[in-house]
Amino acid sequence: MTDSSALDPEDRKIVTLARSARARNGVPEGAAVRDETGRTYVAGTVSLPSLELSALRTAVAMAVASGAKSLEAAAVVTAAESVSEQDRAAVRDLGGERTPVLLAGPDGTVRSTVTAG
């Protein structure tokens, strides 16, 4: 486990935003990404009969749709023990292999940081 208070303030911010999205929408996951300009994009899991998207893939899609050219970091708040390969691939497509992805539990405690690659 990672002491969330030891995180960079900008990384702490995206974890907090992801946690808020999860709680506010009552969804299994919340996510947030930060683009190359410092803008953040926040999303929750999308679960419709015709469309299923994880929170992290939704946040990446929102960044792309808003004109982001790259990602600095991503965070996902979930009960899952790891970040899926599909989620990491979405982050990698926009941010590159070295983009950090913070994985936090529902309480906001960062459990691990992996790279998109």
Protein backbone atom coordinates (compact mmCIF):
# COMPACT_ATOMS: atom_id res chain seq x y z
CA MET A 1 0.00 0.00 0.00
CA THR A 2 1.06 3.54 -0.70
CA ASP A 3 0.51 6.36 1.73
CA SER A 4 -1.76 8.62 -0.32
CA SER A 5 -0.57 11.68 1.58
CA ALA A 6 2.94 10.99 0.18
CA LEU A 7 1.65 11.31 -3.39
CA ASP A 8 2.36 14.30 -5.57
CA PRO A 9 -0.54 16.76 -5.05
CA GLU A 10 -1.63 16.42 -8.69
CA ASP A 11 -1.72 12.62 -8.39
CA ARG A 12 -3.64 12.88 -5.13
CA LYS A 13 -6.12 15.11 -6.94
CA ILE A 14 -6.90 12.55 -9.66
CA VAL A 15 -7.32 9.79 -7.06
CA THR A 16 -9.76 12.01 -5.15
CA LEU A 17 -11.66 12.85 -8.34
CA ALA A 18 -11.87 9.17 -9.29
CA ARG A 19 -13.11 8.22 -5.83
CA SER A 20 -15.73 10.97 -5.95
CA ALA A 21 -17.01 9.83 -9.35
CA ARG A 22 -17.36 6.26 -8.09
CA ALA A 23 -19.28 7.32 -4.98
CA ARG A 24 -21.42 9.97 -6.66
CA ASN A 25 -22.58 7.67 -9.45
CA GLY A 26 -22.78 4.46 -7.43
CA VAL A 27 -20.68 2.58 -9.98
CA PRO A 28 -18.06 -0.15 -9.50
CA GLU A 29 -15.18 2.06 -10.68
CA GLY A 30 -14.25 5.70 -10.87
CA ALA A 31 -11.32 7.03 -12.88
CA ALA A 32 -9.54 10.24 -13.71
CA VAL A 33 -6.78 11.13 -16.14
CA ARG A 34 -4.61 14.23 -16.42
CA ASP A 35 -3.53 15.46 -19.86
CA GLU A 36 -0.36 17.22 -20.96
CA THR A 37 -1.81 20.63 -20.07
CA GLY A 38 -2.92 19.60 -16.57
CA ARG A 39 -6.62 19.29 -17.43
CA THR A 40 -8.44 16.41 -15.79
CA TYR A 41 -11.17 14.15 -17.11
CA VAL A 42 -13.30 12.13 -14.71
CA ALA A 43 -15.60 9.20 -15.40
CA GLY A 44 -17.40 6.26 -13.92
CA THR A 45 -18.17 2.82 -15.30
CA VAL A 46 -20.60 2.85 -18.24
CA SER A 47 -22.98 -0.10 -18.24
CA LEU A 48 -25.71 0.07 -20.85
CA PRO A 49 -27.32 -2.78 -22.75
CA SER A 50 -25.49 -1.65 -25.90
CA LEU A 51 -22.27 -0.25 -24.36
CA GLU A 52 -19.93 -1.47 -21.64
CA LEU A 53 -16.89 0.67 -20.76
CA SER A 54 -14.65 0.68 -17.74
CA ALA A 55 -14.24 3.97 -15.93
CA LEU A 56 -10.64 4.33 -17.08
CA ARG A 57 -11.44 3.73 -20.76
CA THR A 58 -14.30 6.23 -20.47
CA ALA A 59 -11.98 8.86 -18.94
CA VAL A 60 -9.44 8.32 -21.74
CA ALA A 61 -12.21 8.62 -24.35
CA MET A 62 -13.35 11.89 -22.75
CA ALA A 63 -9.79 13.24 -22.89
CA VAL A 64 -9.45 12.31 -26.57
CA ALA A 65 -12.86 13.79 -27.41
CA SER A 66 -11.79 17.03 -25.69
CA GLY A 67 -8.60 17.34 -27.73
CA ALA A 68 -5.96 15.96 -25.35
CA LYS A 69 -2.75 15.05 -27.15
CA SER A 70 -1.13 13.04 -24.33
CA LEU A 71 -1.61 11.89 -20.74
CA GLU A 72 0.60 12.60 -17.75
CA ALA A 73 -1.11 10.17 -15.35
CA ALA A 74 -4.22 8.11 -14.70
CA ALA A 75 -5.98 6.82 -11.60
CA VAL A 76 -8.67 4.22 -11.08
CA VAL A 77 -10.59 3.56 -7.85
CA THR A 78 -11.97 0.05 -7.72
CA ALA A 79 -12.33 -3.07 -5.60
CA ALA A 80 -10.38 -4.98 -8.29
CA GLU A 81 -6.86 -6.11 -7.45
CA SER A 82 -5.26 -4.98 -10.70
CA VAL A 83 -5.66 -2.70 -13.70
CA SER A 84 -6.87 -4.65 -16.73
CA GLU A 85 -4.74 -4.93 -19.84
CA GLN A 86 -7.50 -3.21 -21.85
CA ASP A 87 -7.43 -0.23 -19.47
CA ARG A 88 -3.65 -0.02 -19.57
CA ALA A 89 -3.77 -0.21 -23.39
CA ALA A 90 -6.16 2.76 -23.57
CA VAL A 91 -3.83 4.82 -21.36
CA ARG A 92 -0.82 3.65 -23.39
CA ASP A 93 -2.49 4.64 -26.69
CA LEU A 94 -2.74 8.27 -25.58
CA GLY A 95 0.00 8.62 -22.98
CA GLY A 96 2.68 6.13 -23.94
CA GLU A 97 4.14 3.11 -22.19
CA ARG A 98 5.58 5.00 -19.21
CA THR A 99 2.38 6.76 -18.19
CA PRO A 100 1.73 5.93 -14.52
CA VAL A 101 -1.60 4.36 -13.60
CA LEU A 102 -2.48 4.57 -9.91
CA LEU A 103 -4.72 1.81 -8.56
CA ALA A 104 -6.65 2.76 -5.42
CA GLY A 105 -9.17 0.92 -3.31
CA PRO A 106 -12.66 2.25 -2.59
CA ASP A 107 -11.28 4.13 0.43
CA GLY A 108 -8.87 6.05 -1.81
CA THR A 109 -5.75 4.30 -0.56
CA VAL A 110 -3.35 3.78 -3.45
CA ARG A 111 -2.52 0.07 -3.57
CA SER A 112 -0.09 0.16 -6.47
CA THR A 113 1.24 2.21 -9.35
CA VAL A 114 1.90 0.50 -12.66
CA THR A 115 2.88 1.85 -16.03
CA ALA A 116 0.62 1.71 -19.04
CA GLY A 117 3.25 -0.36 -20.88
